[in-house]
Amino acid sequence: MQILTLALKDLKLLLRDRTAAFFILAFPVLMGLFFGMMMGGSSGSSRGKMSIAIVDDDKSELSQAFVDALAKNSSIAVVPADFEAAKESVRKASRTGMLVIPQGFHKTAGILWEPQPELQLGVDPSRAAEAAMLEGFVMQAMSELIQHRFQNPEAFLPSIVQAREDFAANTAIDPLTRQLGSTMFAALEQFVGQAKLDAADDSPQAATEGATSAGIQLAQIRKLDVTTQTVPDSVSAQTAKLRSRWDISFPQAMLWGVLGCAAGFAISIARERSAGTLQRLLASPLGLQRILLGKALACFLASLFVISLLTLLGFALKMRPESFPKLAVAAVCTAACFVGIMMTVSVLGKTEQSVGGVGWAINLVMAMIGGCMIPVMFMPEFIQRVSILSPVRWSILAIEGAVWRQFSWLEMAWPCLILIGIGLAGFALGSFILRRSQLSSH
């Protein structure tokens, strides 16, 4: 009962400090809403450039011009690859899609009166929106080939001659139409041969627009069947489990609140030490152990309150935890962990200013590498390895395991045991240092 009374006293004092109350209650809510709105909706949607593997079986100047036209698109990242490597990259969701340029592409691509070469397009089946966009980008790049043909008339001339001869020899066409067609091709041949089609002329653009408005097919696209194989630890596999934009942002917000609790109570212990309040408490029958347990209980309850408050707010915003019992266990383990960290931080300085500075410096480092600002799964691989040193990473992992990662109890055990271990070690270390400092001061 004495420990609970001490805890309630510390909670009242903390809430009277408006700055501390802001960082414990208001700041985490703002962070959760901010990062949630940045997610822009369900996290399964794609962001940034579409990575496309290009298989160029033609290896001609024209196929390279086509690839260059695709690469100019700011929404596409083009990566050369062979067929099997390209298909495997799409199957494992490391690339959005693949495009195969067939042999002989250069013979008819961009020539309006010739059948267009058949391009093979394979896209991750879960990304239908990107597939439709990619088809549009392919058509756009093919339209640029028409301009490329007109800007290189000498390469264009043989196809005109061949088309004129084929048209004249086609007996299935009535004589009058054959005569008119032959005349048209002869005139075009003479125009190309003599005028050389100045590259700055408007005719390439006009030809492209005319072809599009006339409904001429600029490319034939055949869909490749690419069955996606989801790698369990990949980002796409993890984000596929998300049901709400708040599933990622609110666990982050919870940790900001818990960090605020740990910093606030560490500063309060330093304040009581420098003001002599702790000395007066030690003169009472309570003893140092009960006093520290009271501080720990107050920090523990404040952390649980912040996590509960943000869970309720997230629930109102349609965040639906997979398991409330697992979330409760994750919350208890997280709170216990940061009680221990609070106790250690409280003895890292002699004044409340020094403890506050050191405490928030430690908190920010733990937050940055632990996923409070950028989710760990989106970080570079090196930072992901370093993040295992941050208790914030394990806290967020435990909470996410209950909210959206669909952790089993066995999977929950590992991060929870780490958090409990850090909490016990931190509490023991902080208590030991504080006890020694009090004994040395007598």
Protein backbone atom coordinates (compact mmCIF):
# COMPACT_ATOMS: atom_id res chain seq x y z
CA MET A 1 0.00 0.00 0.00
CA GLN A 2 2.87 2.36 0.79
CA ILE A 3 4.42 1.67 -2.62
CA LEU A 4 1.10 2.42 -4.36
CA THR A 5 0.76 5.68 -2.40
CA LEU A 6 4.25 6.74 -3.48
CA ALA A 7 3.41 5.84 -7.08
CA LEU A 8 0.20 7.90 -7.07
CA LYS A 9 2.09 10.83 -5.58
CA ASP A 10 4.65 10.70 -8.39
CA LEU A 11 1.94 10.46 -11.04
CA LYS A 12 0.21 13.58 -9.68
CA LEU A 13 3.49 15.48 -9.65
CA LEU A 14 4.29 14.39 -13.20
CA LEU A 15 0.92 15.51 -14.56
CA ARG A 16 1.35 18.93 -12.94
CA ASP A 17 4.39 19.43 -15.18
CA ARG A 18 2.75 20.58 -18.42
CA THR A 19 5.83 19.92 -20.54
CA ALA A 20 6.14 16.36 -19.25
CA ALA A 21 2.39 15.79 -19.71
CA PHE A 22 2.61 17.01 -23.33
CA PHE A 23 5.44 14.62 -24.23
CA ILE A 24 3.72 11.70 -22.48
CA LEU A 25 0.14 12.22 -23.72
CA ALA A 26 -0.19 14.71 -26.59
CA PHE A 27 3.10 14.20 -28.47
CA PRO A 28 2.61 10.43 -29.06
CA VAL A 29 -0.90 11.03 -30.42
CA LEU A 30 0.42 13.68 -32.83
CA MET A 31 3.21 11.35 -33.96
CA GLY A 32 0.80 8.47 -34.50
CA LEU A 33 -1.54 10.61 -36.59
CA PHE A 34 1.33 12.20 -38.53
CA PHE A 35 3.03 8.93 -39.50
CA GLY A 36 -0.32 7.30 -40.18
CA MET A 37 -1.31 10.01 -42.64
CA MET A 38 2.12 9.71 -44.28
CA MET A 39 1.34 6.06 -44.96
CA GLY A 40 -1.46 7.36 -47.20
CA GLY A 41 -3.69 4.31 -46.81
CA SER A 42 -3.13 0.60 -46.74
CA SER A 43 0.56 -0.11 -46.77
CA GLY A 44 0.18 -2.67 -49.46
CA SER A 45 0.19 0.06 -52.07
CA SER A 46 3.44 0.64 -53.89
CA ARG A 47 5.65 3.70 -53.48
CA GLY A 48 8.45 5.13 -55.54
CA LYS A 49 9.64 3.77 -58.87
CA MET A 50 8.48 0.51 -60.38
CA SER A 51 11.49 -1.74 -60.87
CA ILE A 52 11.19 -3.49 -64.24
CA ALA A 53 13.49 -6.25 -65.50
CA ILE A 54 14.10 -5.90 -69.28
CA VAL A 55 14.96 -8.96 -71.38
CA ASP A 56 16.27 -7.67 -74.72
CA ASP A 57 16.44 -10.62 -77.14
CA ASP A 58 16.69 -8.31 -80.17
CA LYS A 59 19.82 -6.40 -79.07
CA SER A 60 19.46 -3.86 -81.86
CA GLU A 61 19.81 -0.12 -82.03
CA LEU A 62 16.02 0.21 -82.13
CA SER A 63 15.43 -2.07 -79.13
CA GLN A 64 17.98 -0.01 -77.18
CA ALA A 65 16.12 3.16 -78.21
CA PHE A 66 12.92 1.57 -76.87
CA VAL A 67 14.62 0.69 -73.56
CA ASP A 68 16.02 4.23 -73.33
CA ALA A 69 12.52 5.64 -73.88
CA LEU A 70 11.24 3.51 -71.00
CA ALA A 71 14.16 4.50 -68.78
CA LYS A 72 13.37 8.21 -69.29
CA ASN A 73 10.07 7.66 -67.49
CA SER A 74 10.47 8.90 -63.91
CA SER A 75 8.10 6.19 -62.63
CA ILE A 76 10.22 3.27 -63.90
CA ALA A 77 13.59 1.86 -62.90
CA VAL A 78 14.87 -0.32 -65.77
CA VAL A 79 17.15 -3.26 -64.96
CA PRO A 80 18.62 -5.48 -67.75
CA ALA A 81 18.33 -9.21 -67.06
CA ASP A 82 18.08 -12.60 -68.75
CA PHE A 83 14.70 -14.34 -68.92
CA GLU A 84 15.03 -16.70 -65.96
CA ALA A 85 16.56 -14.10 -63.66
CA ALA A 86 13.84 -11.61 -64.60
CA LYS A 87 11.06 -14.10 -63.99
CA GLU A 88 12.53 -15.17 -60.65
CA SER A 89 12.85 -11.55 -59.51
CA VAL A 90 9.13 -10.99 -60.19
CA ARG A 91 8.17 -14.28 -58.52
CA LYS A 92 10.06 -13.25 -55.38
CA ALA A 93 8.53 -9.74 -55.46
CA SER A 94 11.88 -7.99 -55.73
CA ARG A 95 10.73 -6.44 -59.04
CA THR A 96 7.33 -5.16 -60.06
CA GLY A 97 7.43 -6.77 -63.49
CA MET A 98 9.42 -7.94 -66.50
CA LEU A 99 9.29 -7.06 -70.21
CA VAL A 100 10.62 -9.29 -73.01
CA ILE A 101 11.65 -7.64 -76.31
CA PRO A 102 11.56 -10.37 -79.01
CA GLN A 103 14.07 -11.06 -81.76
CA GLY A 104 13.25 -9.15 -84.94
CA PHE A 105 11.77 -6.27 -82.94
CA HIS A 106 13.74 -3.75 -85.02
CA LYS A 107 12.20 -4.86 -88.31
CA THR A 108 8.66 -3.56 -87.77
CA ALA A 109 8.53 -1.67 -84.47
CA GLY A 110 7.38 1.90 -85.01
CA ILE A 111 6.27 1.33 -88.62
CA LEU A 112 2.55 2.15 -88.66
CA TRP A 113 1.54 -0.06 -91.60
CA GLU A 114 3.41 -3.14 -90.38
CA PRO A 115 2.21 -5.67 -87.76
CA GLN A 116 3.80 -4.65 -84.45
CA PRO A 117 6.13 -7.07 -82.64
CA GLU A 118 4.70 -8.99 -79.71
CA LEU A 119 6.10 -7.85 -76.37
CA GLN A 120 5.77 -10.17 -73.37
CA LEU A 121 4.84 -8.49 -70.09
CA GLY A 122 4.86 -10.25 -66.74
CA VAL A 123 3.73 -8.43 -63.60
CA ASP A 124 3.34 -9.46 -59.96
CA PRO A 125 -0.36 -10.56 -59.84
CA SER A 126 -0.92 -8.62 -56.59
CA ARG A 127 -0.09 -5.32 -58.32
CA ALA A 128 -2.88 -4.89 -60.85
CA ALA A 129 -2.75 -1.09 -60.75
CA GLU A 130 0.95 -1.06 -61.61
CA ALA A 131 0.32 -3.54 -64.45
CA ALA A 132 -2.17 -1.18 -66.12
CA MET A 133 0.20 1.76 -65.67
CA LEU A 134 3.10 -0.22 -67.12
CA GLU A 135 1.11 -1.09 -70.25
CA GLY A 136 0.50 2.61 -70.75
CA PHE A 137 4.20 3.37 -70.33
CA VAL A 138 5.07 0.68 -72.92
CA MET A 139 2.65 2.25 -75.40
CA GLN A 140 4.18 5.66 -74.72
CA ALA A 141 7.69 4.32 -75.37
CA MET A 142 6.50 2.63 -78.59
CA SER A 143 5.05 5.92 -79.80
CA GLU A 144 8.51 7.45 -79.40
CA LEU A 145 9.85 4.79 -81.78
CA ILE A 146 7.62 6.24 -84.51
CA GLN A 147 9.39 9.56 -84.03
CA HIS A 148 12.72 7.71 -83.96
CA ARG A 149 11.88 6.12 -87.33
CA PHE A 150 10.98 9.47 -88.91
CA GLN A 151 14.11 11.08 -87.52
CA ASN A 152 16.26 8.38 -89.19
CA PRO A 153 14.88 8.33 -92.76
CA GLU A 154 17.66 6.32 -94.38
CA ALA A 155 16.97 3.40 -92.02
CA PHE A 156 13.26 3.93 -92.63
CA LEU A 157 13.51 3.79 -96.47
CA PRO A 158 13.96 -0.02 -96.98
CA SER A 159 10.74 -0.77 -95.12
CA ILE A 160 8.85 1.70 -97.35
CA VAL A 161 10.26 0.05 -100.51
CA GLN A 162 9.33 -3.41 -99.21
CA ALA A 163 5.83 -2.25 -98.28
CA ARG A 164 5.31 -0.77 -101.78
CA GLU A 165 6.43 -3.98 -103.49
CA ASP A 166 4.28 -6.19 -101.21
CA PHE A 167 1.25 -3.97 -101.78
CA ALA A 168 1.70 -4.03 -105.55
CA ALA A 169 2.07 -7.82 -105.59
CA ASN A 170 -1.00 -8.51 -103.44
CA THR A 171 -3.61 -9.83 -105.91
CA ALA A 172 -6.27 -10.00 -103.19
CA ILE A 173 -6.61 -6.22 -103.45
CA ASP A 174 -8.62 -4.80 -106.35
CA PRO A 175 -6.53 -3.15 -109.13
CA LEU A 176 -7.71 0.41 -108.45
CA THR A 177 -6.83 0.21 -104.74
CA ARG A 178 -3.47 -1.39 -105.63
CA GLN A 179 -2.72 1.45 -107.98
CA LEU A 180 -3.63 4.11 -105.42
CA GLY A 181 -1.61 2.39 -102.70
CA SER A 182 1.44 1.97 -104.92
CA THR A 183 1.26 5.65 -105.85
CA MET A 184 1.07 6.62 -102.17
CA PHE A 185 4.09 4.50 -101.21
CA ALA A 186 6.06 5.74 -104.21
CA ALA A 187 5.39 9.34 -103.18
CA LEU A 188 6.41 8.58 -99.58
CA GLU A 189 9.56 6.86 -100.84
CA GLN A 190 10.48 9.87 -102.95
CA PHE A 191 9.75 12.22 -100.05
CA VAL A 192 11.97 10.27 -97.66
CA GLY A 193 14.75 9.88 -100.15
CA GLN A 194 14.92 13.54 -101.21
CA ALA A 195 13.76 15.60 -98.21
CA LYS A 196 15.61 13.52 -95.56
CA LEU A 197 12.91 14.58 -93.07
CA ASP A 198 14.53 17.28 -90.99
CA ALA A 199 14.66 16.00 -87.38
CA ALA A 200 13.34 19.30 -86.10
CA ASP A 201 10.20 19.02 -88.28
CA ASP A 202 6.80 18.62 -86.62
CA SER A 203 5.89 15.56 -88.73
CA PRO A 204 7.15 12.88 -86.25
CA GLN A 205 4.92 14.23 -83.48
CA ALA A 206 2.06 14.64 -85.91
CA ALA A 207 2.48 11.08 -87.14
CA THR A 208 2.42 9.75 -83.61
CA GLU A 209 -0.67 11.73 -82.66
CA GLY A 210 -2.36 10.71 -85.89
CA ALA A 211 -1.66 7.05 -85.27
CA THR A 212 -3.02 7.28 -81.75
CA SER A 213 -6.16 9.17 -82.77
CA ALA A 214 -6.78 6.72 -85.62
CA GLY A 215 -6.72 3.81 -83.17
CA ILE A 216 -3.63 2.18 -84.69
CA GLN A 217 -2.16 -0.41 -82.33
CA LEU A 218 1.31 0.75 -81.33
CA ALA A 219 2.31 -2.57 -79.72
CA GLN A 220 1.06 -6.08 -79.14
CA ILE A 221 1.38 -7.09 -75.50
CA ARG A 222 1.09 -10.70 -74.40
CA LYS A 223 0.76 -11.37 -70.68
CA LEU A 224 3.29 -13.70 -69.10
CA ASP A 225 2.03 -15.90 -66.28
CA VAL A 226 4.28 -15.03 -63.35
CA THR A 227 3.19 -16.75 -60.15
CA THR A 228 4.46 -14.72 -57.25
CA GLN A 229 6.40 -16.57 -54.58
CA THR A 230 6.30 -14.52 -51.40
CA VAL A 231 9.47 -14.62 -49.34
CA PRO A 232 8.32 -14.66 -45.68
CA ASP A 233 10.84 -12.04 -44.47
CA SER A 234 10.44 -9.70 -47.46
CA VAL A 235 8.88 -6.25 -47.10
CA SER A 236 6.04 -7.20 -49.45
CA ALA A 237 5.21 -10.27 -47.35
CA GLN A 238 5.15 -8.21 -44.17
CA THR A 239 3.14 -5.29 -45.52
CA ALA A 240 0.61 -7.69 -47.08
CA LYS A 241 -0.61 -8.35 -43.52
CA LEU A 242 -1.42 -4.70 -42.87
CA ARG A 243 -5.11 -3.82 -42.78
CA SER A 244 -4.87 -0.14 -41.86
CA ARG A 245 -2.43 2.76 -42.24
CA TRP A 246 -2.48 3.01 -38.43
CA ASP A 247 -1.11 -0.53 -37.90
CA ILE A 248 2.44 0.79 -38.28
CA SER A 249 2.11 4.34 -36.98
CA PHE A 250 0.39 3.64 -33.66
CA PRO A 251 2.95 1.13 -32.32
CA GLN A 252 5.53 3.82 -33.13
CA ALA A 253 3.42 6.40 -31.28
CA MET A 254 3.09 4.12 -28.26
CA LEU A 255 6.87 3.96 -27.96
CA TRP A 256 7.18 7.74 -28.16
CA GLY A 257 4.81 7.94 -25.20
CA VAL A 258 6.71 5.29 -23.25
CA LEU A 259 9.99 7.10 -23.96
CA GLY A 260 8.40 10.27 -22.62
CA CYS A 261 7.36 8.43 -19.45
CA ALA A 262 10.86 7.03 -18.92
CA ALA A 263 12.48 10.44 -19.44
CA GLY A 264 9.95 12.20 -17.22
CA PHE A 265 10.39 9.88 -14.26
CA ALA A 266 14.19 9.80 -14.63
CA ILE A 267 14.18 13.60 -14.40
CA SER A 268 11.86 13.47 -11.36
CA ILE A 269 14.29 11.20 -9.49
CA ALA A 270 17.18 13.53 -10.35
CA ARG A 271 15.10 16.52 -9.19
CA GLU A 272 14.35 14.85 -5.85
CA ARG A 273 18.01 14.00 -5.40
CA SER A 274 19.22 17.54 -6.10
CA ALA A 275 16.44 19.15 -4.01
CA GLY A 276 17.04 16.88 -1.02
CA THR A 277 13.55 15.35 -1.21
CA LEU A 278 15.01 11.88 -1.62
CA GLN A 279 17.11 12.35 1.52
CA ARG A 280 13.99 13.23 3.51
CA LEU A 281 12.17 10.18 2.15
CA LEU A 282 15.12 8.00 3.12
CA ALA A 283 14.87 9.32 6.67
CA SER A 284 11.35 7.85 6.85
CA PRO A 285 10.66 4.18 7.71
CA LEU A 286 10.01 3.44 4.02
CA GLY A 287 13.58 2.57 3.00
CA LEU A 288 15.29 3.00 -0.34
CA GLN A 289 13.89 -0.22 -1.85
CA ARG A 290 10.25 0.78 -1.34
CA ILE A 291 10.91 4.28 -2.58
CA LEU A 292 12.44 2.95 -5.79
CA LEU A 293 9.62 0.43 -6.21
CA GLY A 294 7.14 3.29 -5.86
CA LYS A 295 8.95 5.23 -8.61
CA ALA A 296 9.04 2.12 -10.77
CA LEU A 297 5.33 1.44 -10.26
CA ALA A 298 4.43 5.02 -11.20
CA CYS A 299 6.47 4.81 -14.42
CA PHE A 300 5.01 1.37 -15.16
CA LEU A 301 1.41 2.56 -14.74
CA ALA A 302 2.02 5.70 -16.79
CA SER A 303 3.49 3.61 -19.65
CA LEU A 304 0.53 1.21 -19.58
CA PHE A 305 -1.86 4.18 -19.61
CA VAL A 306 -0.19 5.67 -22.69
CA ILE A 307 -0.29 2.34 -24.57
CA SER A 308 -3.95 1.81 -23.59
CA LEU A 309 -4.92 5.35 -24.62
CA LEU A 310 -3.29 5.01 -28.03
CA THR A 311 -4.84 1.57 -28.51
CA LEU A 312 -8.29 3.06 -27.93
CA LEU A 313 -7.56 5.95 -30.28
CA GLY A 314 -6.22 3.56 -32.92
CA PHE A 315 -9.32 1.38 -32.51
CA ALA A 316 -11.48 4.44 -33.17
CA LEU A 317 -9.48 4.96 -36.39
CA LYS A 318 -10.15 1.32 -37.44
CA MET A 319 -6.89 -0.21 -36.24
CA ARG A 320 -7.92 -3.74 -35.27
CA PRO A 321 -5.35 -5.66 -33.17
CA GLU A 322 -5.16 -9.36 -34.02
CA SER A 323 -5.01 -10.32 -30.35
CA PHE A 324 -5.81 -8.17 -27.31
CA PRO A 325 -4.29 -10.70 -24.85
CA LYS A 326 -0.99 -10.63 -26.78
CA LEU A 327 -1.16 -6.84 -26.94
CA ALA A 328 -1.61 -6.75 -23.15
CA VAL A 329 1.46 -8.97 -22.68
CA ALA A 330 3.50 -6.81 -25.09
CA ALA A 331 2.41 -3.66 -23.23
CA VAL A 332 3.41 -5.10 -19.83
CA CYS A 333 6.81 -6.23 -21.13
CA THR A 334 7.44 -2.88 -22.84
CA ALA A 335 6.51 -0.94 -19.71
CA ALA A 336 8.76 -3.16 -17.56
CA CYS A 337 11.66 -2.69 -19.95
CA PHE A 338 11.51 1.09 -19.88
CA VAL A 339 11.06 1.20 -16.11
CA GLY A 340 14.52 -0.40 -15.92
CA ILE A 341 15.93 2.00 -18.50
CA MET A 342 14.42 4.92 -16.57
CA MET A 343 16.13 3.79 -13.38
CA THR A 344 19.55 3.61 -15.06
CA VAL A 345 19.15 6.95 -16.87
CA SER A 346 18.16 8.66 -13.59
CA VAL A 347 21.65 8.10 -12.13
CA LEU A 348 23.60 9.26 -15.22
CA GLY A 349 23.72 12.85 -13.98
CA LYS A 350 23.63 14.82 -10.75
CA THR A 351 21.09 17.45 -11.82
CA GLU A 352 17.75 17.22 -13.55
CA GLN A 353 19.16 19.18 -16.53
CA SER A 354 22.00 16.72 -17.07
CA VAL A 355 19.72 13.70 -16.64
CA GLY A 356 17.17 15.24 -19.02
CA GLY A 357 19.82 15.92 -21.66
CA VAL A 358 21.42 12.49 -21.43
CA GLY A 359 18.06 10.75 -21.19
CA TRP A 360 16.57 12.31 -24.31
CA ALA A 361 19.82 11.81 -26.23
CA ILE A 362 19.67 8.09 -25.42
CA ASN A 363 15.95 8.00 -26.22
CA LEU A 364 16.44 9.62 -29.63
CA VAL A 365 19.20 7.20 -30.61
CA MET A 366 17.08 4.23 -29.53
CA ALA A 367 14.09 5.68 -31.40
CA MET A 368 15.99 6.38 -34.64
CA ILE A 369 17.56 2.94 -34.99
CA GLY A 370 14.65 1.11 -33.37
CA GLY A 371 11.91 2.12 -35.81
CA CYS A 372 10.11 5.04 -34.13
CA MET A 373 10.78 7.30 -37.12
CA ILE A 374 11.20 4.87 -40.03
CA PRO A 375 9.91 1.29 -39.72
CA VAL A 376 12.84 -1.13 -39.39
CA MET A 377 11.74 -3.14 -42.45
CA PHE A 378 12.27 -0.05 -44.66
CA MET A 379 15.76 0.66 -43.31
CA PRO A 380 19.04 -0.31 -45.04
CA GLU A 381 20.25 -3.79 -44.14
CA PHE A 382 23.17 -2.48 -42.08
CA ILE A 383 20.88 -0.33 -39.89
CA GLN A 384 18.52 -3.27 -39.48
CA ARG A 385 21.38 -5.27 -37.98
CA VAL A 386 22.35 -2.41 -35.67
CA SER A 387 18.72 -1.95 -34.57
CA ILE A 388 18.78 -5.20 -32.56
CA LEU A 389 20.67 -3.19 -29.91
CA SER A 390 17.68 -0.88 -29.40
CA PRO A 391 14.97 -1.86 -26.88
CA VAL A 392 12.59 0.24 -28.99
CA ARG A 393 12.95 -2.25 -31.85
CA TRP A 394 11.94 -5.18 -29.61
CA SER A 395 9.06 -3.23 -28.08
CA ILE A 396 7.63 -2.27 -31.48
CA LEU A 397 8.11 -5.85 -32.71
CA ALA A 398 6.19 -7.25 -29.73
CA ILE A 399 3.34 -4.74 -30.15
CA GLU A 400 3.20 -5.27 -33.93
CA GLY A 401 3.19 -9.02 -33.32
CA ALA A 402 -0.10 -8.57 -31.50
CA VAL A 403 -1.52 -5.86 -33.79
CA TRP A 404 -0.80 -7.10 -37.35
CA ARG A 405 2.14 -9.50 -37.64
CA GLN A 406 -0.01 -12.46 -36.49
CA PHE A 407 2.65 -13.74 -34.07
CA SER A 408 2.05 -17.01 -32.27
CA TRP A 409 2.66 -17.12 -28.51
CA LEU A 410 6.02 -18.75 -29.21
CA GLU A 411 7.00 -15.93 -31.58
CA MET A 412 5.88 -13.38 -28.99
CA ALA A 413 8.09 -14.99 -26.35
CA TRP A 414 11.44 -13.93 -27.83
CA PRO A 415 10.95 -10.12 -27.93
CA CYS A 416 9.06 -10.21 -24.62
CA LEU A 417 11.86 -12.11 -22.84
CA ILE A 418 14.41 -9.64 -24.19
CA LEU A 419 12.33 -6.71 -22.91
CA ILE A 420 11.91 -8.26 -19.45
CA GLY A 421 15.64 -9.00 -19.30
CA ILE A 422 16.56 -5.40 -20.22
CA GLY A 423 14.10 -4.09 -17.64
CA LEU A 424 15.42 -6.23 -14.79
CA ALA A 425 19.04 -5.46 -15.66
CA GLY A 426 18.36 -1.72 -15.90
CA PHE A 427 16.45 -1.61 -12.61
CA ALA A 428 19.16 -3.57 -10.80
CA LEU A 429 21.95 -1.38 -12.22
CA GLY A 430 20.19 1.89 -11.47
CA SER A 431 19.26 0.81 -7.94
CA PHE A 432 22.82 -0.32 -7.25
CA ILE A 433 24.38 2.95 -8.43
CA LEU A 434 21.80 5.03 -6.55
CA ARG A 435 22.33 3.04 -3.34
CA ARG A 436 26.10 3.47 -3.57
CA SER A 437 25.81 7.20 -4.21
CA GLN A 438 23.54 7.60 -1.19
CA LEU A 439 25.86 5.59 1.04
CA SER A 440 28.90 7.58 -0.12
CA SER A 441 27.13 10.85 0.63
CA HIS A 442 26.70 9.94 4.31
